[in-house]
Amino acid sequence: MKTLLNVIWLVLCGFWMAIGYVVAGVICCILIITIPFGIASFRIAGFALWPFGRTTVERRDAGAGSLVGNIIWIVVAGWWLALAHITTGIALCLTLIGIPLGIANFKLIPISLLPLGREIVPTDRPFATR
């Protein structure tokens, strides 16, 4: 079931959402000081490309740096990516088959706003650590 949902997701919105994260990552990597944001954006691009069967958990080693970084991220790119998730989620919820995909889009909003200090793990072991 996860594979079927991921394939439908990829066709309807996953590819475009991943491109948005990759563009944000490239822009962040061009500016030297924002390379950590670019790396986080590339990590989320993979998650946005194939989200079913994976979830995010808080990293225990995240500190004040990730808090400050998340505030900067919200202003620079997070707001626009979250807005894209909201728009796509509403559009998908207008169709019967798109409702689970729209809900998945809404679940991606928190990580699009606050990517630092989070880790993407499989859903069968959400409390696993590195």
C-alpha atoms as a PDB file:
ATOM      1  CA  MET A   1       0.000   0.000   0.000  1.00  0.00           C
ATOM      2  CA  LYS A   2       2.866   2.373   0.807  1.00  0.00           C
ATOM      3  CA  THR A   3       4.385   1.794  -2.614  1.00  0.00           C
ATOM      4  CA  LEU A   4       1.099   2.474  -4.399  1.00  0.00           C
ATOM      5  CA  LEU A   5       0.550   5.689  -2.443  1.00  0.00           C
ATOM      6  CA  ASN A   6       4.142   6.770  -3.095  1.00  0.00           C
ATOM      7  CA  VAL A   7       3.763   6.227  -6.850  1.00  0.00           C
ATOM      8  CA  ILE A   8       0.503   8.198  -6.963  1.00  0.00           C
ATOM      9  CA  TRP A   9       2.120  10.866  -4.775  1.00  0.00           C
ATOM     10  CA  LEU A  10       5.141  11.068  -7.077  1.00  0.00           C
ATOM     11  CA  VAL A  11       2.966  11.586 -10.146  1.00  0.00           C
ATOM     12  CA  LEU A  12       0.513  14.094  -8.653  1.00  0.00           C
ATOM     13  CA  CYS A  13       2.693  16.299  -6.466  1.00  0.00           C
ATOM     14  CA  GLY A  14       5.853  14.668  -5.120  1.00  0.00           C
ATOM     15  CA  PHE A  15       8.041  15.486  -8.090  1.00  0.00           C
ATOM     16  CA  TRP A  16       7.139  19.185  -8.045  1.00  0.00           C
ATOM     17  CA  MET A  17       7.475  19.502  -4.272  1.00  0.00           C
ATOM     18  CA  ALA A  18      10.899  17.845  -4.415  1.00  0.00           C
ATOM     19  CA  ILE A  19      11.965  20.263  -7.153  1.00  0.00           C
ATOM     20  CA  GLY A  20      10.935  23.152  -4.892  1.00  0.00           C
ATOM     21  CA  TYR A  21      13.121  21.807  -2.090  1.00  0.00           C
ATOM     22  CA  VAL A  22      16.036  21.197  -4.461  1.00  0.00           C
ATOM     23  CA  VAL A  23      15.799  24.769  -5.786  1.00  0.00           C
ATOM     24  CA  ALA A  24      15.777  26.083  -2.212  1.00  0.00           C
ATOM     25  CA  GLY A  25      18.765  23.843  -1.420  1.00  0.00           C
ATOM     26  CA  VAL A  26      20.753  25.033  -4.429  1.00  0.00           C
ATOM     27  CA  ILE A  27      20.086  28.669  -3.564  1.00  0.00           C
ATOM     28  CA  CYS A  28      21.141  28.033   0.028  1.00  0.00           C
ATOM     29  CA  CYS A  29      24.323  26.239  -1.087  1.00  0.00           C
ATOM     30  CA  ILE A  30      25.288  29.082  -3.416  1.00  0.00           C
ATOM     31  CA  LEU A  31      25.355  31.382  -0.410  1.00  0.00           C
ATOM     32  CA  ILE A  32      28.192  29.912   1.650  1.00  0.00           C
ATOM     33  CA  ILE A  33      26.796  30.725   5.087  1.00  0.00           C
ATOM     34  CA  THR A  34      23.512  28.929   4.458  1.00  0.00           C
ATOM     35  CA  ILE A  35      24.975  25.556   3.420  1.00  0.00           C
ATOM     36  CA  PRO A  36      23.421  23.767   6.461  1.00  0.00           C
ATOM     37  CA  PHE A  37      20.016  24.945   5.232  1.00  0.00           C
ATOM     38  CA  GLY A  38      20.812  23.597   1.772  1.00  0.00           C
ATOM     39  CA  ILE A  39      21.730  20.200   3.182  1.00  0.00           C
ATOM     40  CA  ALA A  40      18.497  20.113   5.207  1.00  0.00           C
ATOM     41  CA  SER A  41      16.550  21.116   2.109  1.00  0.00           C
ATOM     42  CA  PHE A  42      18.071  18.280   0.056  1.00  0.00           C
ATOM     43  CA  ARG A  43      17.217  15.845   2.859  1.00  0.00           C
ATOM     44  CA  ILE A  44      13.608  17.018   2.889  1.00  0.00           C
ATOM     45  CA  ALA A  45      13.472  16.817  -0.930  1.00  0.00           C
ATOM     46  CA  GLY A  46      13.979  13.070  -0.668  1.00  0.00           C
ATOM     47  CA  PHE A  47      11.282  12.886   1.975  1.00  0.00           C
ATOM     48  CA  ALA A  48       8.884  14.972  -0.140  1.00  0.00           C
ATOM     49  CA  LEU A  49       9.591  12.735  -3.117  1.00  0.00           C
ATOM     50  CA  TRP A  50       8.712   9.451  -1.340  1.00  0.00           C
ATOM     51  CA  PRO A  51       6.975  10.234   2.013  1.00  0.00           C
ATOM     52  CA  PHE A  52       4.818   7.189   2.744  1.00  0.00           C
ATOM     53  CA  GLY A  53       6.532   4.703   5.018  1.00  0.00           C
ATOM     54  CA  ARG A  54       8.733   7.364   6.622  1.00  0.00           C
ATOM     55  CA  THR A  55       8.283   9.916   9.388  1.00  0.00           C
ATOM     56  CA  THR A  56      10.303  12.552  11.201  1.00  0.00           C
ATOM     57  CA  VAL A  57      11.526  12.547  14.782  1.00  0.00           C
ATOM     58  CA  GLU A  58      13.314  15.135  16.853  1.00  0.00           C
ATOM     59  CA  ARG A  59      17.052  14.733  17.179  1.00  0.00           C
ATOM     60  CA  ARG A  60      18.264  14.616  20.753  1.00  0.00           C
ATOM     61  CA  ASP A  61      21.522  16.379  19.922  1.00  0.00           C
ATOM     62  CA  ALA A  62      19.804  19.434  18.405  1.00  0.00           C
ATOM     63  CA  GLY A  63      20.483  22.548  20.406  1.00  0.00           C
ATOM     64  CA  ALA A  64      20.164  26.293  20.299  1.00  0.00           C
ATOM     65  CA  GLY A  65      21.831  26.425  16.874  1.00  0.00           C
ATOM     66  CA  SER A  66      18.969  24.524  15.299  1.00  0.00           C
ATOM     67  CA  LEU A  67      16.456  26.850  16.977  1.00  0.00           C
ATOM     68  CA  VAL A  68      18.166  29.941  15.553  1.00  0.00           C
ATOM     69  CA  GLY A  69      18.592  28.206  12.199  1.00  0.00           C
ATOM     70  CA  ASN A  70      14.904  27.286  12.075  1.00  0.00           C
ATOM     71  CA  ILE A  71      13.905  30.898  12.715  1.00  0.00           C
ATOM     72  CA  ILE A  72      16.116  32.038   9.836  1.00  0.00           C
ATOM     73  CA  TRP A  73      14.808  29.191   7.645  1.00  0.00           C
ATOM     74  CA  ILE A  74      11.167  30.189   8.231  1.00  0.00           C
ATOM     75  CA  VAL A  75      11.894  33.703   7.005  1.00  0.00           C
ATOM     76  CA  VAL A  76      14.058  32.690   4.036  1.00  0.00           C
ATOM     77  CA  ALA A  77      12.427  29.586   2.527  1.00  0.00           C
ATOM     78  CA  GLY A  78      10.183  27.737   4.962  1.00  0.00           C
ATOM     79  CA  TRP A  79       7.234  30.055   4.598  1.00  0.00           C
ATOM     80  CA  TRP A  80       7.106  29.593   0.815  1.00  0.00           C
ATOM     81  CA  LEU A  81       7.511  25.830   0.959  1.00  0.00           C
ATOM     82  CA  ALA A  82       4.795  25.535   3.621  1.00  0.00           C
ATOM     83  CA  LEU A  83       2.509  27.678   1.472  1.00  0.00           C
ATOM     84  CA  ALA A  84       3.153  25.313  -1.462  1.00  0.00           C
ATOM     85  CA  HIS A  85       2.205  22.346   0.763  1.00  0.00           C
ATOM     86  CA  ILE A  86      -0.994  24.083   1.873  1.00  0.00           C
ATOM     87  CA  THR A  87      -1.984  24.944  -1.699  1.00  0.00           C
ATOM     88  CA  THR A  88      -1.213  21.481  -3.022  1.00  0.00           C
ATOM     89  CA  GLY A  89      -2.937  19.818  -0.058  1.00  0.00           C
ATOM     90  CA  ILE A  90      -6.134  21.784  -0.595  1.00  0.00           C
ATOM     91  CA  ALA A  91      -6.086  21.024  -4.326  1.00  0.00           C
ATOM     92  CA  LEU A  92      -5.590  17.299  -3.669  1.00  0.00           C
ATOM     93  CA  CYS A  93      -8.383  17.198  -1.082  1.00  0.00           C
ATOM     94  CA  LEU A  94     -10.838  18.348  -3.741  1.00  0.00           C
ATOM     95  CA  THR A  95     -10.739  14.878  -5.281  1.00  0.00           C
ATOM     96  CA  LEU A  96     -11.709  11.654  -3.560  1.00  0.00           C
ATOM     97  CA  ILE A  97      -8.521   9.802  -4.450  1.00  0.00           C
ATOM     98  CA  GLY A  98      -6.405  12.793  -3.454  1.00  0.00           C
ATOM     99  CA  ILE A  99      -7.625  13.084   0.150  1.00  0.00           C
ATOM    100  CA  PRO A 100      -4.901  10.815   1.641  1.00  0.00           C
ATOM    101  CA  LEU A 101      -2.324  12.685  -0.426  1.00  0.00           C
ATOM    102  CA  GLY A 102      -3.658  16.037   0.737  1.00  0.00           C
ATOM    103  CA  ILE A 103      -3.446  14.906   4.351  1.00  0.00           C
ATOM    104  CA  ALA A 104       0.144  13.787   3.728  1.00  0.00           C
ATOM    105  CA  ASN A 105       0.867  17.225   2.306  1.00  0.00           C
ATOM    106  CA  PHE A 106      -0.466  18.836   5.466  1.00  0.00           C
ATOM    107  CA  LYS A 107       1.750  16.522   7.540  1.00  0.00           C
ATOM    108  CA  LEU A 108       4.810  17.825   5.662  1.00  0.00           C
ATOM    109  CA  ILE A 109       4.140  21.431   6.710  1.00  0.00           C
ATOM    110  CA  PRO A 110       5.907  21.224  10.120  1.00  0.00           C
ATOM    111  CA  ILE A 111       9.124  19.862   8.623  1.00  0.00           C
ATOM    112  CA  SER A 112       9.006  22.423   5.825  1.00  0.00           C
ATOM    113  CA  LEU A 113       8.872  25.156   8.457  1.00  0.00           C
ATOM    114  CA  LEU A 114      11.299  23.674  11.001  1.00  0.00           C
ATOM    115  CA  PRO A 115      13.720  21.280   9.245  1.00  0.00           C
ATOM    116  CA  LEU A 116      16.731  21.605  11.518  1.00  0.00           C
ATOM    117  CA  GLY A 117      16.814  19.305  14.522  1.00  0.00           C
ATOM    118  CA  ARG A 118      14.645  16.670  12.815  1.00  0.00           C
ATOM    119  CA  GLU A 119      15.580  13.291  11.401  1.00  0.00           C
ATOM    120  CA  ILE A 120      13.725  11.209   8.800  1.00  0.00           C
ATOM    121  CA  VAL A 121      13.256   7.569   9.842  1.00  0.00           C
ATOM    122  CA  PRO A 122      11.161   4.621   8.611  1.00  0.00           C
ATOM    123  CA  THR A 123       7.725   4.397  10.225  1.00  0.00           C
ATOM    124  CA  ASP A 124       8.402   0.893  11.506  1.00  0.00           C
ATOM    125  CA  ARG A 125      11.109   2.274  13.825  1.00  0.00           C
ATOM    126  CA  PRO A 126      10.202   5.902  14.646  1.00  0.00           C
ATOM    127  CA  PHE A 127      12.197   5.902  17.872  1.00  0.00           C
ATOM    128  CA  ALA A 128      15.390   4.581  16.302  1.00  0.00           C
ATOM    129  CA  THR A 129      18.538   6.594  16.622  1.00  0.00           C
ATOM    130  CA  ARG A 130      21.578   6.738  14.427  1.00  0.00           C
END
